[in-house]
mmCIF file of all heavy atoms, coordinates in Angstrom:
data_MODEL
# 
_entry.id   MODEL 
# 
loop_
_atom_site.group_PDB 
_atom_site.id 
_atom_site.type_symbol 
_atom_site.label_atom_id 
_atom_site.label_alt_id 
_atom_site.label_comp_id 
_atom_site.label_asym_id 
_atom_site.label_entity_id 
_atom_site.label_seq_id 
_atom_site.pdbx_PDB_ins_code 
_atom_site.Cartn_x 
_atom_site.Cartn_y 
_atom_site.Cartn_z 
_atom_site.occupancy 
_atom_site.B_iso_or_equiv 
_atom_site.pdbx_formal_charge 
_atom_site.auth_seq_id 
_atom_site.auth_comp_id 
_atom_site.auth_asym_id 
_atom_site.auth_atom_id 
_atom_site.pdbx_PDB_model_num 
ATOM 1   N N   . SER A 1 1  ? 0.826  -1.208 0.000   1.00 0.00 ? 1  SER A N   1 
ATOM 2   C CA  . SER A 1 1  ? 0.000  0.000  0.000   1.00 0.00 ? 1  SER A CA  1 
ATOM 3   C C   . SER A 1 1  ? 0.861  1.259  0.000   1.00 0.00 ? 1  SER A C   1 
ATOM 4   O O   . SER A 1 1  ? 0.575  2.222  -0.722  1.00 0.00 ? 1  SER A O   1 
ATOM 5   C CB  . SER A 1 1  ? -0.927 -0.010 1.222   1.00 0.00 ? 1  SER A CB  1 
ATOM 6   O OG  . SER A 1 1  ? -1.698 1.172  1.278   1.00 0.00 ? 1  SER A OG  1 
ATOM 7   N N   . VAL A 1 2  ? 1.921  1.265  0.804   1.00 0.00 ? 2  VAL A N   1 
ATOM 8   C CA  . VAL A 1 2  ? 2.843  2.408  0.855   1.00 0.00 ? 2  VAL A CA  1 
ATOM 9   C C   . VAL A 1 2  ? 3.480  2.637  -0.509  1.00 0.00 ? 2  VAL A C   1 
ATOM 10  O O   . VAL A 1 2  ? 3.553  3.770  -1.000  1.00 0.00 ? 2  VAL A O   1 
ATOM 11  C CB  . VAL A 1 2  ? 3.940  2.168  1.921   1.00 0.00 ? 2  VAL A CB  1 
ATOM 12  C CG1 . VAL A 1 2  ? 5.065  3.199  1.785   1.00 0.00 ? 2  VAL A CG1 1 
ATOM 13  C CG2 . VAL A 1 2  ? 3.342  2.226  3.316   1.00 0.00 ? 2  VAL A CG2 1 
ATOM 14  N N   . ILE A 1 3  ? 3.924  1.553  -1.136  1.00 0.00 ? 3  ILE A N   1 
ATOM 15  C CA  . ILE A 1 3  ? 4.581  1.652  -2.436  1.00 0.00 ? 3  ILE A CA  1 
ATOM 16  C C   . ILE A 1 3  ? 3.609  2.093  -3.529  1.00 0.00 ? 3  ILE A C   1 
ATOM 17  O O   . ILE A 1 3  ? 3.896  2.991  -4.322  1.00 0.00 ? 3  ILE A O   1 
ATOM 18  C CB  . ILE A 1 3  ? 5.223  0.301  -2.809  1.00 0.00 ? 3  ILE A CB  1 
ATOM 19  C CG1 . ILE A 1 3  ? 6.384  0.002  -1.861  1.00 0.00 ? 3  ILE A CG1 1 
ATOM 20  C CG2 . ILE A 1 3  ? 5.718  0.318  -4.264  1.00 0.00 ? 3  ILE A CG2 1 
ATOM 21  C CD1 . ILE A 1 3  ? 6.954  -1.387 -2.002  1.00 0.00 ? 3  ILE A CD1 1 
ATOM 22  N N   . GLU A 1 4  ? 2.432  1.478  -3.564  1.00 0.00 ? 4  GLU A N   1 
ATOM 23  C CA  . GLU A 1 4  ? 1.455  1.795  -4.605  1.00 0.00 ? 4  GLU A CA  1 
ATOM 24  C C   . GLU A 1 4  ? 0.930  3.218  -4.472  1.00 0.00 ? 4  GLU A C   1 
ATOM 25  O O   . GLU A 1 4  ? 0.627  3.863  -5.474  1.00 0.00 ? 4  GLU A O   1 
ATOM 26  C CB  . GLU A 1 4  ? 0.309  0.795  -4.574  1.00 0.00 ? 4  GLU A CB  1 
ATOM 27  C CG  . GLU A 1 4  ? 0.706  -0.591 -5.082  1.00 0.00 ? 4  GLU A CG  1 
ATOM 28  C CD  . GLU A 1 4  ? -0.450 -1.564 -5.104  1.00 0.00 ? 4  GLU A CD  1 
ATOM 29  O OE1 . GLU A 1 4  ? -1.408 -1.366 -4.309  1.00 0.00 ? 4  GLU A OE1 1 
ATOM 30  O OE2 . GLU A 1 4  ? -0.407 -2.521 -5.899  1.00 0.00 ? 4  GLU A OE2 1 
ATOM 31  N N   . SER A 1 5  ? 0.829  3.717  -3.252  1.00 0.00 ? 5  SER A N   1 
ATOM 32  C CA  . SER A 1 5  ? 0.375  5.088  -3.039  1.00 0.00 ? 5  SER A CA  1 
ATOM 33  C C   . SER A 1 5  ? 1.338  6.076  -3.687  1.00 0.00 ? 5  SER A C   1 
ATOM 34  O O   . SER A 1 5  ? 0.921  7.028  -4.373  1.00 0.00 ? 5  SER A O   1 
ATOM 35  C CB  . SER A 1 5  ? 0.265  5.369  -1.534  1.00 0.00 ? 5  SER A CB  1 
ATOM 36  O OG  . SER A 1 5  ? -0.115 6.711  -1.308  1.00 0.00 ? 5  SER A OG  1 
ATOM 37  N N   . HIS A 1 6  ? 2.630  5.854  -3.507  1.00 0.00 ? 6  HIS A N   1 
ATOM 38  C CA  . HIS A 1 6  ? 3.623  6.739  -4.126  1.00 0.00 ? 6  HIS A CA  1 
ATOM 39  C C   . HIS A 1 6  ? 3.633  6.567  -5.637  1.00 0.00 ? 6  HIS A C   1 
ATOM 40  O O   . HIS A 1 6  ? 3.763  7.544  -6.382  1.00 0.00 ? 6  HIS A O   1 
ATOM 41  C CB  . HIS A 1 6  ? 5.010  6.447  -3.558  1.00 0.00 ? 6  HIS A CB  1 
ATOM 42  C CG  . HIS A 1 6  ? 6.084  7.277  -4.178  1.00 0.00 ? 6  HIS A CG  1 
ATOM 43  N ND1 . HIS A 1 6  ? 6.116  8.657  -4.066  1.00 0.00 ? 6  HIS A ND1 1 
ATOM 44  C CD2 . HIS A 1 6  ? 7.154  6.949  -4.948  1.00 0.00 ? 6  HIS A CD2 1 
ATOM 45  C CE1 . HIS A 1 6  ? 7.159  9.133  -4.734  1.00 0.00 ? 6  HIS A CE1 1 
ATOM 46  N NE2 . HIS A 1 6  ? 7.799  8.120  -5.277  1.00 0.00 ? 6  HIS A NE2 1 
ATOM 47  N N   . MET A 1 7  ? 3.481  5.344  -6.083  1.00 0.00 ? 7  MET A N   1 
ATOM 48  C CA  . MET A 1 7  ? 3.472  5.087  -7.517  1.00 0.00 ? 7  MET A CA  1 
ATOM 49  C C   . MET A 1 7  ? 2.338  5.827  -8.220  1.00 0.00 ? 7  MET A C   1 
ATOM 50  O O   . MET A 1 7  ? 2.523  6.378  -9.310  1.00 0.00 ? 7  MET A O   1 
ATOM 51  C CB  . MET A 1 7  ? 3.326  3.587  -7.783  1.00 0.00 ? 7  MET A CB  1 
ATOM 52  C CG  . MET A 1 7  ? 4.580  2.787  -7.548  1.00 0.00 ? 7  MET A CG  1 
ATOM 53  S SD  . MET A 1 7  ? 4.307  1.031  -7.906  1.00 0.00 ? 7  MET A SD  1 
ATOM 54  C CE  . MET A 1 7  ? 5.976  0.391  -7.741  1.00 0.00 ? 7  MET A CE  1 
ATOM 55  N N   . SER A 1 8  ? 1.172  5.845  -7.597  1.00 0.00 ? 8  SER A N   1 
ATOM 56  C CA  . SER A 1 8  ? 0.023  6.513  -8.216  1.00 0.00 ? 8  SER A CA  1 
ATOM 57  C C   . SER A 1 8  ? 0.268  8.009  -8.364  1.00 0.00 ? 8  SER A C   1 
ATOM 58  O O   . SER A 1 8  ? -0.120 8.621  -9.364  1.00 0.00 ? 8  SER A O   1 
ATOM 59  C CB  . SER A 1 8  ? -1.253 6.253  -7.401  1.00 0.00 ? 8  SER A CB  1 
ATOM 60  O OG  . SER A 1 8  ? -1.160 6.827  -6.115  1.00 0.00 ? 8  SER A OG  1 
ATOM 61  N N   . ILE A 1 9  ? 0.956  8.594  -7.375  1.00 0.00 ? 9  ILE A N   1 
ATOM 62  C CA  . ILE A 1 9  ? 1.294  10.020 -7.442  1.00 0.00 ? 9  ILE A CA  1 
ATOM 63  C C   . ILE A 1 9  ? 2.308  10.267 -8.558  1.00 0.00 ? 9  ILE A C   1 
ATOM 64  O O   . ILE A 1 9  ? 2.175  11.199 -9.353  1.00 0.00 ? 9  ILE A O   1 
ATOM 65  C CB  . ILE A 1 9  ? 1.857  10.502 -6.086  1.00 0.00 ? 9  ILE A CB  1 
ATOM 66  C CG1 . ILE A 1 9  ? 0.769  10.433 -5.010  1.00 0.00 ? 9  ILE A CG1 1 
ATOM 67  C CG2 . ILE A 1 9  ? 2.406  11.928 -6.212  1.00 0.00 ? 9  ILE A CG2 1 
ATOM 68  C CD1 . ILE A 1 9  ? 1.279  10.703 -3.613  1.00 0.00 ? 9  ILE A CD1 1 
ATOM 69  N N   . GLU A 1 10 ? 3.332  9.404  -8.633  1.00 0.00 ? 10 GLU A N   1 
ATOM 70  C CA  . GLU A 1 10 ? 4.354  9.537  -9.672  1.00 0.00 ? 10 GLU A CA  1 
ATOM 71  C C   . GLU A 1 10 ? 3.755  9.420  -11.064 1.00 0.00 ? 10 GLU A C   1 
ATOM 72  O O   . GLU A 1 10 ? 4.136  10.156 -11.984 1.00 0.00 ? 10 GLU A O   1 
ATOM 73  C CB  . GLU A 1 10 ? 5.425  8.457  -9.491  1.00 0.00 ? 10 GLU A CB  1 
ATOM 74  C CG  . GLU A 1 10 ? 6.513  8.813  -8.518  1.00 0.00 ? 10 GLU A CG  1 
ATOM 75  C CD  . GLU A 1 10 ? 7.710  7.898  -8.628  1.00 0.00 ? 10 GLU A CD  1 
ATOM 76  O OE1 . GLU A 1 10 ? 7.519  6.696  -8.927  1.00 0.00 ? 10 GLU A OE1 1 
ATOM 77  O OE2 . GLU A 1 10 ? 8.841  8.371  -8.398  1.00 0.00 ? 10 GLU A OE2 1 
ATOM 78  N N   . GLU A 1 11 ? 2.831  8.472  -11.228 1.00 0.00 ? 11 GLU A N   1 
ATOM 79  C CA  . GLU A 1 11 ? 2.242  8.247  -12.544 1.00 0.00 ? 11 GLU A CA  1 
ATOM 80  C C   . GLU A 1 11 ? 1.394  9.423  -13.000 1.00 0.00 ? 11 GLU A C   1 
ATOM 81  O O   . GLU A 1 11 ? 1.299  9.705  -14.198 1.00 0.00 ? 11 GLU A O   1 
ATOM 82  C CB  . GLU A 1 11 ? 1.435  6.950  -12.531 1.00 0.00 ? 11 GLU A CB  1 
ATOM 83  C CG  . GLU A 1 11 ? 2.340  5.711  -12.495 1.00 0.00 ? 11 GLU A CG  1 
ATOM 84  C CD  . GLU A 1 11 ? 1.588  4.422  -12.264 1.00 0.00 ? 11 GLU A CD  1 
ATOM 85  O OE1 . GLU A 1 11 ? 0.335  4.472  -12.203 1.00 0.00 ? 11 GLU A OE1 1 
ATOM 86  O OE2 . GLU A 1 11 ? 2.228  3.360  -12.140 1.00 0.00 ? 11 GLU A OE2 1 
ATOM 87  N N   . GLU A 1 12 ? 0.791  10.126 -12.051 1.00 0.00 ? 12 GLU A N   1 
ATOM 88  C CA  . GLU A 1 12 ? 0.041  11.338 -12.402 1.00 0.00 ? 12 GLU A CA  1 
ATOM 89  C C   . GLU A 1 12 ? 1.004  12.468 -12.759 1.00 0.00 ? 12 GLU A C   1 
ATOM 90  O O   . GLU A 1 12 ? 0.798  13.193 -13.730 1.00 0.00 ? 12 GLU A O   1 
ATOM 91  C CB  . GLU A 1 12 ? -0.867 11.757 -11.243 1.00 0.00 ? 12 GLU A CB  1 
ATOM 92  C CG  . GLU A 1 12 ? -2.127 10.922 -11.107 1.00 0.00 ? 12 GLU A CG  1 
ATOM 93  C CD  . GLU A 1 12 ? -2.996 10.977 -12.355 1.00 0.00 ? 12 GLU A CD  1 
ATOM 94  O OE1 . GLU A 1 12 ? -3.248 12.091 -12.864 1.00 0.00 ? 12 GLU A OE1 1 
ATOM 95  O OE2 . GLU A 1 12 ? -3.395 9.900  -12.842 1.00 0.00 ? 12 GLU A OE2 1 
ATOM 96  N N   . ASP A 1 13 ? 2.066  12.593 -11.951 1.00 0.00 ? 13 ASP A N   1 
ATOM 97  C CA  . ASP A 1 13 ? 3.035  13.672 -12.182 1.00 0.00 ? 13 ASP A CA  1 
ATOM 98  C C   . ASP A 1 13 ? 3.756  13.513 -13.516 1.00 0.00 ? 13 ASP A C   1 
ATOM 99  O O   . ASP A 1 13 ? 4.036  14.492 -14.206 1.00 0.00 ? 13 ASP A O   1 
ATOM 100 C CB  . ASP A 1 13 ? 4.066  13.705 -11.045 1.00 0.00 ? 13 ASP A CB  1 
ATOM 101 C CG  . ASP A 1 13 ? 3.472  14.197 -9.734  1.00 0.00 ? 13 ASP A CG  1 
ATOM 102 O OD1 . ASP A 1 13 ? 2.374  14.792 -9.778  1.00 0.00 ? 13 ASP A OD1 1 
ATOM 103 O OD2 . ASP A 1 13 ? 4.103  13.984 -8.685  1.00 0.00 ? 13 ASP A OD2 1 
ATOM 104 N N   . ILE A 1 14 ? 4.061  12.275 -13.876 1.00 0.00 ? 14 ILE A N   1 
ATOM 105 C CA  . ILE A 1 14 ? 4.876  12.034 -15.069 1.00 0.00 ? 14 ILE A CA  1 
ATOM 106 C C   . ILE A 1 14 ? 4.132  12.376 -16.353 1.00 0.00 ? 14 ILE A C   1 
ATOM 107 O O   . ILE A 1 14 ? 4.747  12.601 -17.400 1.00 0.00 ? 14 ILE A O   1 
ATOM 108 C CB  . ILE A 1 14 ? 5.366  10.566 -15.105 1.00 0.00 ? 14 ILE A CB  1 
ATOM 109 C CG1 . ILE A 1 14 ? 6.660  10.462 -15.923 1.00 0.00 ? 14 ILE A CG1 1 
ATOM 110 C CG2 . ILE A 1 14 ? 4.315  9.636  -15.675 1.00 0.00 ? 14 ILE A CG2 1 
ATOM 111 C CD1 . ILE A 1 14 ? 7.826  11.209 -15.316 1.00 0.00 ? 14 ILE A CD1 1 
ATOM 112 N N   . LYS A 1 15 ? 2.817  12.457 -16.279 1.00 0.00 ? 15 LYS A N   1 
ATOM 113 C CA  . LYS A 1 15 ? 2.035  12.799 -17.467 1.00 0.00 ? 15 LYS A CA  1 
ATOM 114 C C   . LYS A 1 15 ? 2.337  14.214 -17.953 1.00 0.00 ? 15 LYS A C   1 
ATOM 115 O O   . LYS A 1 15 ? 2.124  14.541 -19.112 1.00 0.00 ? 15 LYS A O   1 
ATOM 116 C CB  . LYS A 1 15 ? 0.542  12.644 -17.172 1.00 0.00 ? 15 LYS A CB  1 
ATOM 117 C CG  . LYS A 1 15 ? 0.108  11.195 -16.969 1.00 0.00 ? 15 LYS A CG  1 
ATOM 118 C CD  . LYS A 1 15 ? -1.355 11.100 -16.590 1.00 0.00 ? 15 LYS A CD  1 
ATOM 119 C CE  . LYS A 1 15 ? -1.771 9.658  -16.343 1.00 0.00 ? 15 LYS A CE  1 
ATOM 120 N NZ  . LYS A 1 15 ? -3.181 9.537  -15.916 1.00 0.00 ? 15 LYS A NZ  1 
ATOM 121 N N   . ASN A 1 16 ? 2.833  15.042 -17.029 1.00 0.00 ? 16 ASN A N   1 
ATOM 122 C CA  . ASN A 1 16 ? 3.167  16.422 -17.385 1.00 0.00 ? 16 ASN A CA  1 
ATOM 123 C C   . ASN A 1 16 ? 4.659  16.615 -17.619 1.00 0.00 ? 16 ASN A C   1 
ATOM 124 O O   . ASN A 1 16 ? 5.142  17.739 -17.753 1.00 0.00 ? 16 ASN A O   1 
ATOM 125 C CB  . ASN A 1 16 ? 2.710  17.374 -16.270 1.00 0.00 ? 16 ASN A CB  1 
ATOM 126 C CG  . ASN A 1 16 ? 1.203  17.326 -16.055 1.00 0.00 ? 16 ASN A CG  1 
ATOM 127 O OD1 . ASN A 1 16 ? 0.445  17.311 -17.015 1.00 0.00 ? 16 ASN A OD1 1 
ATOM 128 N ND2 . ASN A 1 16 ? 0.788  17.291 -14.802 1.00 0.00 ? 16 ASN A ND2 1 
ATOM 129 N N   . TYR A 1 17 ? 5.386  15.511 -17.682 1.00 0.00 ? 17 TYR A N   1 
ATOM 130 C CA  . TYR A 1 17 ? 6.843  15.586 -17.829 1.00 0.00 ? 17 TYR A CA  1 
ATOM 131 C C   . TYR A 1 17 ? 7.244  15.775 -19.287 1.00 0.00 ? 17 TYR A C   1 
ATOM 132 O O   . TYR A 1 17 ? 6.640  15.207 -20.200 1.00 0.00 ? 17 TYR A O   1 
ATOM 133 C CB  . TYR A 1 17 ? 7.480  14.299 -17.294 1.00 0.00 ? 17 TYR A CB  1 
ATOM 134 C CG  . TYR A 1 17 ? 8.986  14.247 -17.447 1.00 0.00 ? 17 TYR A CG  1 
ATOM 135 C CD1 . TYR A 1 17 ? 9.817  14.842 -16.508 1.00 0.00 ? 17 TYR A CD1 1 
ATOM 136 C CD2 . TYR A 1 17 ? 9.563  13.603 -18.549 1.00 0.00 ? 17 TYR A CD2 1 
ATOM 137 C CE1 . TYR A 1 17 ? 11.203 14.805 -16.659 1.00 0.00 ? 17 TYR A CE1 1 
ATOM 138 C CE2 . TYR A 1 17 ? 10.953 13.553 -18.697 1.00 0.00 ? 17 TYR A CE2 1 
ATOM 139 C CZ  . TYR A 1 17 ? 11.762 14.158 -17.753 1.00 0.00 ? 17 TYR A CZ  1 
ATOM 140 O OH  . TYR A 1 17 ? 13.119 14.111 -17.899 1.00 0.00 ? 17 TYR A OH  1 
ATOM 141 N N   . SER A 1 18 ? 8.281  16.585 -19.497 1.00 0.00 ? 18 SER A N   1 
ATOM 142 C CA  . SER A 1 18 ? 8.889  16.744 -20.818 1.00 0.00 ? 18 SER A CA  1 
ATOM 143 C C   . SER A 1 18 ? 10.350 16.367 -20.697 1.00 0.00 ? 18 SER A C   1 
ATOM 144 O O   . SER A 1 18 ? 10.991 16.676 -19.678 1.00 0.00 ? 18 SER A O   1 
ATOM 145 C CB  . SER A 1 18 ? 8.778  18.192 -21.310 1.00 0.00 ? 18 SER A CB  1 
ATOM 146 O OG  . SER A 1 18 ? 7.422  18.562 -21.454 1.00 0.00 ? 18 SER A OG  1 
ATOM 147 N N   . PRO A 1 19 ? 10.912 15.684 -21.688 1.00 0.00 ? 19 PRO A N   1 
ATOM 148 C CA  . PRO A 1 19 ? 12.324 15.277 -21.634 1.00 0.00 ? 19 PRO A CA  1 
ATOM 149 C C   . PRO A 1 19 ? 13.239 16.442 -21.277 1.00 0.00 ? 19 PRO A C   1 
ATOM 150 O O   . PRO A 1 19 ? 13.142 17.528 -21.848 1.00 0.00 ? 19 PRO A O   1 
ATOM 151 C CB  . PRO A 1 19 ? 12.590 14.763 -23.054 1.00 0.00 ? 19 PRO A CB  1 
ATOM 152 C CG  . PRO A 1 19 ? 11.262 14.242 -23.505 1.00 0.00 ? 19 PRO A CG  1 
ATOM 153 C CD  . PRO A 1 19 ? 10.256 15.209 -22.930 1.00 0.00 ? 19 PRO A CD  1 
ATOM 154 N N   . GLY A 1 20 ? 14.107 16.209 -20.297 1.00 0.00 ? 20 GLY A N   1 
ATOM 155 C CA  . GLY A 1 20 ? 15.044 17.240 -19.870 1.00 0.00 ? 20 GLY A CA  1 
ATOM 156 C C   . GLY A 1 20 ? 14.533 18.082 -18.712 1.00 0.00 ? 20 GLY A C   1 
ATOM 157 O O   . GLY A 1 20 ? 15.289 18.878 -18.143 1.00 0.00 ? 20 GLY A O   1 
ATOM 158 N N   . MET A 1 21 ? 13.260 17.934 -18.359 1.00 0.00 ? 21 MET A N   1 
ATOM 159 C CA  . MET A 1 21 ? 12.670 18.719 -17.274 1.00 0.00 ? 21 MET A CA  1 
ATOM 160 C C   . MET A 1 21 ? 13.320 18.346 -15.938 1.00 0.00 ? 21 MET A C   1 
ATOM 161 O O   . MET A 1 21 ? 13.584 17.172 -15.656 1.00 0.00 ? 21 MET A O   1 
ATOM 162 C CB  . MET A 1 21 ? 11.160 18.462 -17.206 1.00 0.00 ? 21 MET A CB  1 
ATOM 163 C CG  . MET A 1 21 ? 10.439 19.253 -16.121 1.00 0.00 ? 21 MET A CG  1 
ATOM 164 S SD  . MET A 1 21 ? 8.680  18.787 -16.026 1.00 0.00 ? 21 MET A SD  1 
ATOM 165 C CE  . MET A 1 21 ? 8.074  19.402 -17.599 1.00 0.00 ? 21 MET A CE  1 
ATOM 166 N N   . ASN A 1 22 ? 13.595 19.347 -15.102 1.00 0.00 ? 22 ASN A N   1 
ATOM 167 C CA  . ASN A 1 22 ? 14.128 19.089 -13.768 1.00 0.00 ? 22 ASN A CA  1 
ATOM 168 C C   . ASN A 1 22 ? 13.036 18.514 -12.873 1.00 0.00 ? 22 ASN A C   1 
ATOM 169 O O   . ASN A 1 22 ? 11.880 18.937 -12.941 1.00 0.00 ? 22 ASN A O   1 
ATOM 170 C CB  . ASN A 1 22 ? 14.676 20.373 -13.145 1.00 0.00 ? 22 ASN A CB  1 
ATOM 171 C CG  . ASN A 1 22 ? 15.951 20.850 -13.809 1.00 0.00 ? 22 ASN A CG  1 
ATOM 172 O OD1 . ASN A 1 22 ? 16.751 20.037 -14.284 1.00 0.00 ? 22 ASN A OD1 1 
ATOM 173 N ND2 . ASN A 1 22 ? 16.150 22.156 -13.848 1.00 0.00 ? 22 ASN A ND2 1 
ATOM 174 N N   . ILE A 1 23 ? 13.412 17.547 -12.043 1.00 0.00 ? 23 ILE A N   1 
ATOM 175 C CA  . ILE A 1 23 ? 12.453 16.900 -11.153 1.00 0.00 ? 23 ILE A CA  1 
ATOM 176 C C   . ILE A 1 23 ? 12.923 17.044 -9.709  1.00 0.00 ? 23 ILE A C   1 
ATOM 177 O O   . ILE A 1 23 ? 14.095 16.794 -9.395  1.00 0.00 ? 23 ILE A O   1 
ATOM 178 C CB  . ILE A 1 23 ? 12.296 15.404 -11.494 1.00 0.00 ? 23 ILE A CB  1 
ATOM 179 C CG1 . ILE A 1 23 ? 11.682 15.241 -12.882 1.00 0.00 ? 23 ILE A CG1 1 
ATOM 180 C CG2 . ILE A 1 23 ? 11.436 14.698 -10.459 1.00 0.00 ? 23 ILE A CG2 1 
ATOM 181 C CD1 . ILE A 1 23 ? 11.485 13.802 -13.296 1.00 0.00 ? 23 ILE A CD1 1 
ATOM 182 N N   . ASP A 1 24 ? 12.016 17.458 -8.829  1.00 0.00 ? 24 ASP A N   1 
ATOM 183 C CA  . ASP A 1 24 ? 12.301 17.538 -7.401  1.00 0.00 ? 24 ASP A CA  1 
ATOM 184 C C   . ASP A 1 24 ? 12.217 16.122 -6.826  1.00 0.00 ? 24 ASP A C   1 
ATOM 185 O O   . ASP A 1 24 ? 11.167 15.478 -6.873  1.00 0.00 ? 24 ASP A O   1 
ATOM 186 C CB  . ASP A 1 24 ? 11.278 18.455 -6.725  1.00 0.00 ? 24 ASP A CB  1 
ATOM 187 C CG  . ASP A 1 24 ? 11.583 18.656 -5.242  1.00 0.00 ? 24 ASP A CG  1 
ATOM 188 O OD1 . ASP A 1 24 ? 12.538 18.028 -4.735  1.00 0.00 ? 24 ASP A OD1 1 
ATOM 189 O OD2 . ASP A 1 24 ? 10.849 19.429 -4.590  1.00 0.00 ? 24 ASP A OD2 1 
# 
């Protein structure tokens, strides 16, 4: 559950990612 919770957030965030973009 801990892992999947973070994964779901990452998968939403990555939809707005562009190659070369800085990531916090």
